[in-house]
Amino acid sequence: MPDLVGIFGTGRNGSTLLARLLDGAAGVYVHPVECNFLSAIDDLSWLPLVRRVTIQNAVKGPLRNLNRAVPTSRLLRFFSSHWAELERDYLTLFDPPLDLGPDPRAGVSKFGQQTALQFIPRFLAATGEWVNGGSTSELLMLKSIETPFVFDYERLFPTMRFIHIVRSPVDVWASQKRSLSNNKKFPPWYLGGENLVTTLECRWIPHAEALVARRNDPRHFVLKYEDLVRDPRGIVGRVCEWLKLSPPAEPELQTFFGGQHPKQIPLNPSQRGVATPRQAVADLHTRHAFDVVVTARERDLIALRCGELVKQLGYELPTPSRTKTREAWRHIDEWDFKNTVGPVSWLRSAWAFVRRQLYVRKYTR
């Protein structure tokens, strides 16, 4: 079975860009669909479906059932959505159409039950053979926001290697908030509970803690988003050297399925109406005058909650006053109930507001 490599990030921090730039490296299948494999399989081990909070990557665990065999039919009811997404959002972008290999369902469904250890590499290998015209790959690369579960991946796959991309938590939240609130018009509870709390507690902080704990672990390669967009060729070259791979022929361009060029790149910027450039761009934010969405009180709260971890990852945020930050959160602003429509949504936004206030109180004491 091919080796596994995971790209881990919080979402809205450049992991999609990194995966597309690494696509085309010799002998690698880069799975372009966001994966929440372990948390979803843990749900499916005792439920007939995957919970919404799991799909939104709004859980921290622990994962207790990863060694349990799960019926393959149940696994595919959820994970076949990857194949549907590839057909709908990726394969349609190629003209002429790509030559496809055997149906991936046949290669996976012949097993009656599978554990996470068995299913994940089989699923990725079958998918890679499908989109790459039947060719097999020596390395299978996935991309995941499952930052709380790095340890679980290490335990299940001892030879797996990990590429981590990090970004300042303020910038991650700015991109996340802009994408959810301004672009997609989602309410403040969309990610599960409360969007800012989920972004910090279920994504950025677990990732930062995992990286600090693994600072000298040779299985883990850490890079900054800011460095990637400033020098994509250099960073991609370093990653490929670490993986002992020949780099892609075009390391500054986003490609799919082994270096293939689609007619257009799927939309990904957080700003509505901004096309995804084929080449990595360092100043996309200023070039298109992205909306400024992070408030001063949000920035201060993030700094208070993440300050020490921010420093250990090589970023700097000013240290705000706890008292002034707490006072700034006492009033309701335009964002607290934005995009809230209907009685159920209002109730959920009200509960998100309460959770946010409790969170502020806890970290401004």
Protein backbone atom coordinates (compact mmCIF):
# COMPACT_ATOMS: atom_id res chain seq x y z
CA MET A 1 0.00 0.00 0.00
CA PRO A 2 1.35 3.50 -0.82
CA ASP A 3 2.60 5.76 1.96
CA LEU A 4 0.39 8.51 3.39
CA VAL A 5 1.17 12.20 3.71
CA GLY A 6 -1.24 14.62 5.39
CA ILE A 7 -1.47 18.37 4.88
CA PHE A 8 -2.97 19.80 8.07
CA GLY A 9 -4.31 23.30 8.56
CA THR A 10 -7.14 25.15 10.23
CA GLY A 11 -9.02 26.03 7.07
CA ARG A 12 -8.67 29.49 5.48
CA ASN A 13 -4.93 29.28 6.00
CA GLY A 14 -3.54 28.18 2.64
CA SER A 15 -3.77 24.38 2.88
CA THR A 16 -5.80 24.22 -0.35
CA LEU A 17 -3.22 26.34 -2.17
CA LEU A 18 -0.37 24.21 -0.84
CA ALA A 19 -2.03 20.97 -1.95
CA ARG A 20 -2.59 22.31 -5.46
CA LEU A 21 0.99 23.55 -5.75
CA LEU A 22 2.32 20.14 -4.66
CA ASP A 23 0.09 18.40 -7.17
CA GLY A 24 2.24 17.25 -10.04
CA ALA A 25 5.11 15.99 -7.89
CA ALA A 26 6.24 12.67 -9.32
CA GLY A 27 4.39 9.59 -8.08
CA VAL A 28 1.93 11.45 -5.85
CA TYR A 29 -1.85 11.49 -5.81
CA VAL A 30 -3.05 14.68 -4.09
CA HIS A 31 -6.68 14.31 -3.02
CA PRO A 32 -8.28 17.73 -3.63
CA VAL A 33 -11.34 17.21 -1.40
CA GLU A 34 -11.18 18.33 2.24
CA CYS A 35 -11.00 15.25 4.47
CA ASN A 36 -12.36 14.72 7.96
CA PHE A 37 -11.66 11.00 7.85
CA LEU A 38 -11.05 10.03 11.47
CA SER A 39 -13.75 12.09 13.14
CA ALA A 40 -16.31 10.94 10.57
CA ILE A 41 -15.31 7.28 10.87
CA ASP A 42 -15.50 7.55 14.65
CA ASP A 43 -19.10 8.79 14.31
CA LEU A 44 -19.96 6.03 11.83
CA SER A 45 -18.66 3.39 14.22
CA TRP A 46 -21.71 3.95 16.42
CA LEU A 47 -24.12 6.05 14.34
CA PRO A 48 -25.74 5.53 10.92
CA LEU A 49 -24.61 9.02 9.87
CA VAL A 50 -22.01 11.68 10.55
CA ARG A 51 -23.04 14.47 12.93
CA ARG A 52 -23.24 18.01 11.59
CA VAL A 53 -20.68 19.27 14.14
CA THR A 54 -18.25 16.67 12.81
CA ILE A 55 -18.82 17.74 9.21
CA GLN A 56 -18.18 21.35 10.29
CA ASN A 57 -14.96 20.29 12.06
CA ALA A 58 -16.36 21.64 15.30
CA VAL A 59 -15.36 18.72 17.54
CA LYS A 60 -12.23 18.02 19.56
CA GLY A 61 -12.73 14.41 20.58
CA PRO A 62 -11.62 12.13 22.03
CA LEU A 63 -12.05 9.56 19.28
CA ARG A 64 -12.75 6.25 21.00
CA ASN A 65 -13.74 3.81 18.24
CA LEU A 66 -11.14 4.05 15.51
CA ASN A 67 -10.11 0.41 15.86
CA ARG A 68 -13.67 -0.81 15.33
CA ALA A 69 -14.61 -2.27 11.94
CA VAL A 70 -17.45 -0.36 10.26
CA PRO A 71 -19.67 -1.71 7.47
CA THR A 72 -18.28 -0.49 4.15
CA SER A 73 -21.78 0.38 2.94
CA ARG A 74 -22.12 2.81 5.84
CA LEU A 75 -18.71 4.33 5.17
CA LEU A 76 -19.50 4.84 1.50
CA ARG A 77 -22.86 6.47 2.21
CA PHE A 78 -20.80 9.32 3.61
CA PHE A 79 -17.48 9.23 1.77
CA SER A 80 -18.91 8.68 -1.71
CA SER A 81 -19.66 12.42 -1.50
CA HIS A 82 -15.97 12.89 -2.31
CA TRP A 83 -16.45 11.16 -5.64
CA ALA A 84 -19.58 13.19 -6.33
CA GLU A 85 -17.65 16.39 -5.58
CA LEU A 86 -14.81 15.36 -7.87
CA GLU A 87 -17.27 14.67 -10.70
CA ARG A 88 -19.21 17.89 -10.15
CA ASP A 89 -16.54 20.43 -9.24
CA TYR A 90 -13.28 19.13 -10.72
CA LEU A 91 -13.61 16.67 -13.60
CA THR A 92 -16.02 19.00 -15.40
CA LEU A 93 -13.25 21.62 -15.56
CA PHE A 94 -11.21 19.68 -18.12
CA ASP A 95 -11.69 19.98 -21.87
CA PRO A 96 -11.11 17.51 -23.39
CA PRO A 97 -12.27 15.27 -20.56
CA LEU A 98 -9.65 13.29 -18.66
CA ASP A 99 -9.25 9.58 -19.32
CA LEU A 100 -10.58 7.89 -16.20
CA GLY A 101 -9.60 4.59 -14.65
CA PRO A 102 -11.79 1.95 -13.01
CA ASP A 103 -14.76 2.95 -10.86
CA PRO A 104 -13.33 3.54 -7.36
CA ARG A 105 -16.44 2.09 -5.71
CA ALA A 106 -15.54 -1.37 -7.01
CA GLY A 107 -12.11 -1.26 -5.40
CA VAL A 108 -13.43 -0.21 -2.00
CA SER A 109 -16.82 -1.91 -1.66
CA LYS A 110 -15.51 -5.47 -2.07
CA PHE A 111 -14.58 -5.41 1.62
CA GLY A 112 -17.59 -6.01 3.90
CA GLN A 113 -16.20 -4.16 6.93
CA GLN A 114 -13.18 -1.92 7.37
CA THR A 115 -11.36 -0.08 10.10
CA ALA A 116 -10.04 3.44 9.60
CA LEU A 117 -6.56 1.98 9.12
CA GLN A 118 -7.81 -0.15 6.23
CA PHE A 119 -10.36 2.17 4.65
CA ILE A 120 -8.45 5.45 4.29
CA PRO A 121 -5.52 4.22 2.14
CA ARG A 122 -7.84 1.98 0.08
CA PHE A 123 -10.21 4.87 -0.53
CA LEU A 124 -7.45 7.27 -1.56
CA ALA A 125 -5.65 4.69 -3.72
CA ALA A 126 -8.86 3.74 -5.57
CA THR A 127 -9.75 7.41 -6.08
CA GLY A 128 -6.27 8.20 -7.38
CA GLU A 129 -6.39 5.35 -9.88
CA TRP A 130 -9.82 6.55 -11.07
CA VAL A 131 -8.90 10.17 -11.78
CA ASN A 132 -5.42 9.32 -13.06
CA GLY A 133 -6.58 6.92 -15.76
CA GLY A 134 -5.72 3.74 -13.90
CA SER A 135 -2.19 4.76 -12.87
CA THR A 136 -1.14 3.92 -9.33
CA SER A 137 0.73 6.30 -7.03
CA GLU A 138 3.59 5.70 -4.62
CA LEU A 139 2.35 8.41 -2.26
CA LEU A 140 -1.18 9.36 -1.25
CA MET A 141 -1.64 12.92 0.00
CA LEU A 142 -4.73 14.12 1.87
CA LYS A 143 -5.69 17.56 3.18
CA SER A 144 -7.49 17.91 6.51
CA ILE A 145 -8.75 20.41 9.09
CA GLU A 146 -8.68 17.65 11.72
CA THR A 147 -6.04 19.46 13.74
CA PRO A 148 -7.25 18.07 17.12
CA PHE A 149 -6.57 14.54 15.89
CA VAL A 150 -2.94 14.67 14.75
CA PHE A 151 -2.09 12.20 17.52
CA ASP A 152 -4.74 9.77 16.27
CA TYR A 153 -3.29 9.86 12.75
CA GLU A 154 0.19 9.27 14.19
CA ARG A 155 -1.03 6.30 16.20
CA LEU A 156 -2.92 4.66 13.34
CA PHE A 157 -0.32 5.35 10.65
CA PRO A 158 3.18 5.19 12.21
CA THR A 159 4.93 5.83 8.88
CA MET A 160 2.68 8.75 7.88
CA ARG A 161 4.33 12.13 7.37
CA PHE A 162 2.72 15.46 8.17
CA ILE A 163 2.96 18.84 6.44
CA HIS A 164 1.55 21.65 8.58
CA ILE A 165 0.74 25.09 7.27
CA VAL A 166 0.14 27.84 9.83
CA ARG A 167 -1.15 31.39 9.67
CA SER A 168 -1.73 34.11 12.24
CA PRO A 169 -5.02 33.39 14.07
CA VAL A 170 -6.25 36.93 13.37
CA ASP A 171 -5.78 36.41 9.63
CA VAL A 172 -7.37 32.96 9.78
CA TRP A 173 -10.39 34.42 11.54
CA ALA A 174 -10.56 37.34 9.09
CA SER A 175 -10.70 34.96 6.14
CA GLN A 176 -13.15 32.63 7.88
CA LYS A 177 -15.47 35.43 8.96
CA ARG A 178 -15.36 37.13 5.57
CA SER A 179 -16.13 33.86 3.82
CA LEU A 180 -18.99 32.86 6.14
CA SER A 181 -20.61 36.22 6.87
CA ASN A 182 -20.01 38.38 3.81
CA ASN A 183 -19.57 35.83 1.05
CA LYS A 184 -21.87 32.94 1.98
CA LYS A 185 -24.26 34.91 4.24
CA PHE A 186 -24.15 32.38 7.09
CA PRO A 187 -25.17 33.28 10.67
CA PRO A 188 -22.74 33.40 13.62
CA TRP A 189 -23.62 29.86 14.76
CA TYR A 190 -23.03 28.14 11.42
CA LEU A 191 -19.84 26.29 12.36
CA GLY A 192 -21.47 24.77 15.40
CA GLY A 193 -22.10 26.72 18.58
CA GLU A 194 -20.29 29.96 17.72
CA ASN A 195 -18.07 30.62 14.74
CA LEU A 196 -15.17 32.43 16.42
CA VAL A 197 -15.04 29.99 19.34
CA THR A 198 -15.06 27.03 16.95
CA THR A 199 -12.30 28.53 14.79
CA LEU A 200 -10.05 29.03 17.82
CA GLU A 201 -10.88 26.10 20.08
CA CYS A 202 -11.50 23.34 17.54
CA ARG A 203 -9.00 24.36 14.89
CA TRP A 204 -6.27 26.95 15.50
CA ILE A 205 -5.38 26.24 19.14
CA PRO A 206 -5.29 22.42 18.84
CA HIS A 207 -3.09 22.79 15.77
CA ALA A 208 -0.72 25.22 17.48
CA GLU A 209 -0.48 23.00 20.56
CA ALA A 210 0.24 19.94 18.40
CA LEU A 211 3.04 21.78 16.58
CA VAL A 212 4.66 23.09 19.75
CA ALA A 213 4.62 19.57 21.20
CA ARG A 214 6.22 18.15 18.04
CA ARG A 215 8.79 20.86 17.45
CA ASN A 216 11.64 18.36 16.97
CA ASP A 217 9.70 15.45 15.48
CA PRO A 218 11.17 14.51 12.07
CA ARG A 219 7.78 13.27 10.80
CA HIS A 220 6.42 16.84 10.82
CA PHE A 221 7.25 19.68 8.41
CA VAL A 222 5.94 23.13 9.39
CA LEU A 223 5.64 26.13 7.08
CA LYS A 224 3.98 29.52 7.20
CA TYR A 225 1.27 30.66 4.79
CA GLU A 226 3.03 34.03 4.47
CA ASP A 227 6.22 32.31 3.28
CA LEU A 228 4.32 30.12 0.83
CA VAL A 229 2.65 32.99 -1.03
CA ARG A 230 5.87 35.04 -0.98
CA ASP A 231 8.09 32.25 -2.34
CA PRO A 232 5.98 29.34 -3.63
CA ARG A 233 8.78 27.83 -5.71
CA GLY A 234 11.20 27.81 -2.79
CA ILE A 235 8.72 26.42 -0.26
CA VAL A 236 7.40 23.71 -2.60
CA GLY A 237 11.00 22.76 -3.34
CA ARG A 238 11.79 22.44 0.38
CA VAL A 239 8.72 20.30 1.00
CA CYS A 240 9.55 18.00 -1.91
CA GLU A 241 13.17 17.72 -0.75
CA TRP A 242 11.90 16.70 2.70
CA LEU A 243 9.59 14.11 1.12
CA LYS A 244 12.43 12.98 -1.19
CA LEU A 245 10.31 13.72 -4.26
CA SER A 246 11.00 15.37 -7.58
CA PRO A 247 9.16 18.72 -7.44
CA PRO A 248 6.33 19.58 -9.82
CA ALA A 249 7.29 21.00 -13.20
CA GLU A 250 5.31 24.16 -12.38
CA PRO A 251 5.57 24.67 -8.61
CA GLU A 252 4.02 28.15 -8.71
CA LEU A 253 0.83 27.03 -10.49
CA GLN A 254 -2.25 25.30 -9.10
CA THR A 255 -2.90 22.01 -10.86
CA PHE A 256 -4.93 18.82 -10.31
CA PHE A 257 -4.58 15.08 -10.85
CA GLY A 258 -0.86 14.96 -11.51
CA GLY A 259 -0.14 18.39 -13.00
CA GLN A 260 -3.25 18.75 -15.18
CA HIS A 261 -4.45 22.27 -16.04
CA PRO A 262 -8.24 22.86 -15.80
CA LYS A 263 -10.10 25.50 -17.78
CA GLN A 264 -10.46 27.47 -14.55
CA ILE A 265 -9.53 27.09 -10.90
CA PRO A 266 -12.42 26.43 -8.47
CA LEU A 267 -13.33 29.53 -6.47
CA ASN A 268 -11.63 29.72 -3.08
CA PRO A 269 -10.91 33.36 -1.98
CA SER A 270 -12.94 34.59 0.99
CA GLN A 271 -14.00 37.76 -0.85
CA ARG A 272 -17.13 37.43 -2.96
CA GLY A 273 -16.55 37.80 -6.68
CA VAL A 274 -12.76 37.31 -6.62
CA ALA A 275 -11.53 34.62 -8.99
CA THR A 276 -8.88 32.18 -7.83
CA PRO A 277 -5.59 33.02 -9.58
CA ARG A 278 -3.70 30.13 -11.16
CA GLN A 279 -0.46 31.34 -9.64
CA ALA A 280 0.23 31.87 -5.95
CA VAL A 281 -0.26 35.57 -5.17
CA ALA A 282 1.22 37.31 -2.14
CA ASP A 283 -0.95 40.44 -2.26
CA LEU A 284 -4.37 39.08 -3.26
CA HIS A 285 -5.93 40.76 -0.20
CA THR A 286 -4.73 44.26 -1.09
CA ARG A 287 -5.00 43.81 -4.85
CA HIS A 288 -8.77 43.21 -4.55
CA ALA A 289 -9.39 45.42 -1.48
CA PHE A 290 -10.83 42.64 0.67
CA ASP A 291 -13.44 43.74 3.20
CA VAL A 292 -12.06 44.48 6.66
CA VAL A 293 -14.22 42.33 8.94
CA VAL A 294 -12.23 41.72 12.13
CA THR A 295 -13.21 44.14 14.89
CA ALA A 296 -10.80 45.55 17.46
CA ARG A 297 -12.45 43.56 20.24
CA GLU A 298 -12.11 40.32 18.26
CA ARG A 299 -8.45 41.01 17.61
CA ASP A 300 -7.87 41.68 21.30
CA LEU A 301 -9.71 38.55 22.38
CA ILE A 302 -7.70 36.41 19.96
CA ALA A 303 -4.49 37.94 21.28
CA LEU A 304 -5.44 37.17 24.88
CA ARG A 305 -6.46 33.61 24.13
CA CYS A 306 -3.66 32.66 21.73
CA GLY A 307 -0.83 34.99 22.71
CA GLU A 308 1.77 32.50 23.95
CA LEU A 309 1.11 30.03 21.15
CA VAL A 310 1.28 32.86 18.61
CA LYS A 311 4.78 33.72 19.82
CA GLN A 312 5.94 30.12 19.72
CA LEU A 313 4.87 29.87 16.08
CA GLY A 314 6.82 33.00 15.18
CA TYR A 315 4.04 35.60 15.04
CA GLU A 316 3.47 38.74 17.07
CA LEU A 317 0.26 40.25 18.43
CA PRO A 318 0.11 43.18 20.86
CA THR A 319 -0.99 42.30 24.38
CA PRO A 320 -4.28 44.10 25.08
CA SER A 321 -5.85 45.08 28.38
CA ARG A 322 -8.08 42.33 29.77
CA THR A 323 -10.37 44.88 31.41
CA LYS A 324 -10.80 46.97 28.27
CA THR A 325 -11.38 43.88 26.15
CA ARG A 326 -14.05 42.61 28.53
CA GLU A 327 -15.75 46.03 28.50
CA ALA A 328 -15.69 46.17 24.70
CA TRP A 329 -17.67 42.92 24.57
CA ARG A 330 -20.48 44.11 26.84
CA HIS A 331 -22.48 45.64 23.99
CA ILE A 332 -24.07 44.07 20.89
CA ASP A 333 -22.55 45.00 17.55
CA GLU A 334 -23.64 44.46 13.94
CA TRP A 335 -21.95 41.06 13.69
CA ASP A 336 -23.61 39.37 16.67
CA PHE A 337 -26.84 38.59 14.81
CA LYS A 338 -25.82 39.16 11.20
CA ASN A 339 -27.52 36.94 8.59
CA THR A 340 -29.98 35.65 11.19
CA VAL A 341 -33.33 34.86 9.57
CA GLY A 342 -36.31 33.03 11.07
CA PRO A 343 -37.20 32.11 14.66
CA VAL A 344 -34.98 29.02 14.92
CA SER A 345 -32.02 30.92 13.55
CA TRP A 346 -32.63 33.74 16.01
CA LEU A 347 -32.69 31.29 18.91
CA ARG A 348 -29.42 29.75 17.76
CA SER A 349 -27.84 33.18 17.30
CA ALA A 350 -28.97 34.14 20.79
CA TRP A 351 -27.36 30.99 22.20
CA ALA A 352 -24.20 31.74 20.21
CA PHE A 353 -24.21 35.24 21.74
CA VAL A 354 -24.42 33.76 25.23
CA ARG A 355 -21.62 31.31 24.51
CA ARG A 356 -19.48 34.12 23.16
CA GLN A 357 -20.05 36.21 26.28
CA LEU A 358 -19.12 33.30 28.54
CA TYR A 359 -16.01 32.71 26.46
CA VAL A 360 -15.00 36.38 26.72
CA ARG A 361 -15.54 36.36 30.47
CA LYS A 362 -13.38 33.24 30.86
CA TYR A 363 -10.39 34.60 28.95
CA THR A 364 -10.45 38.21 30.12
CA ARG A 365 -10.34 37.51 33.85
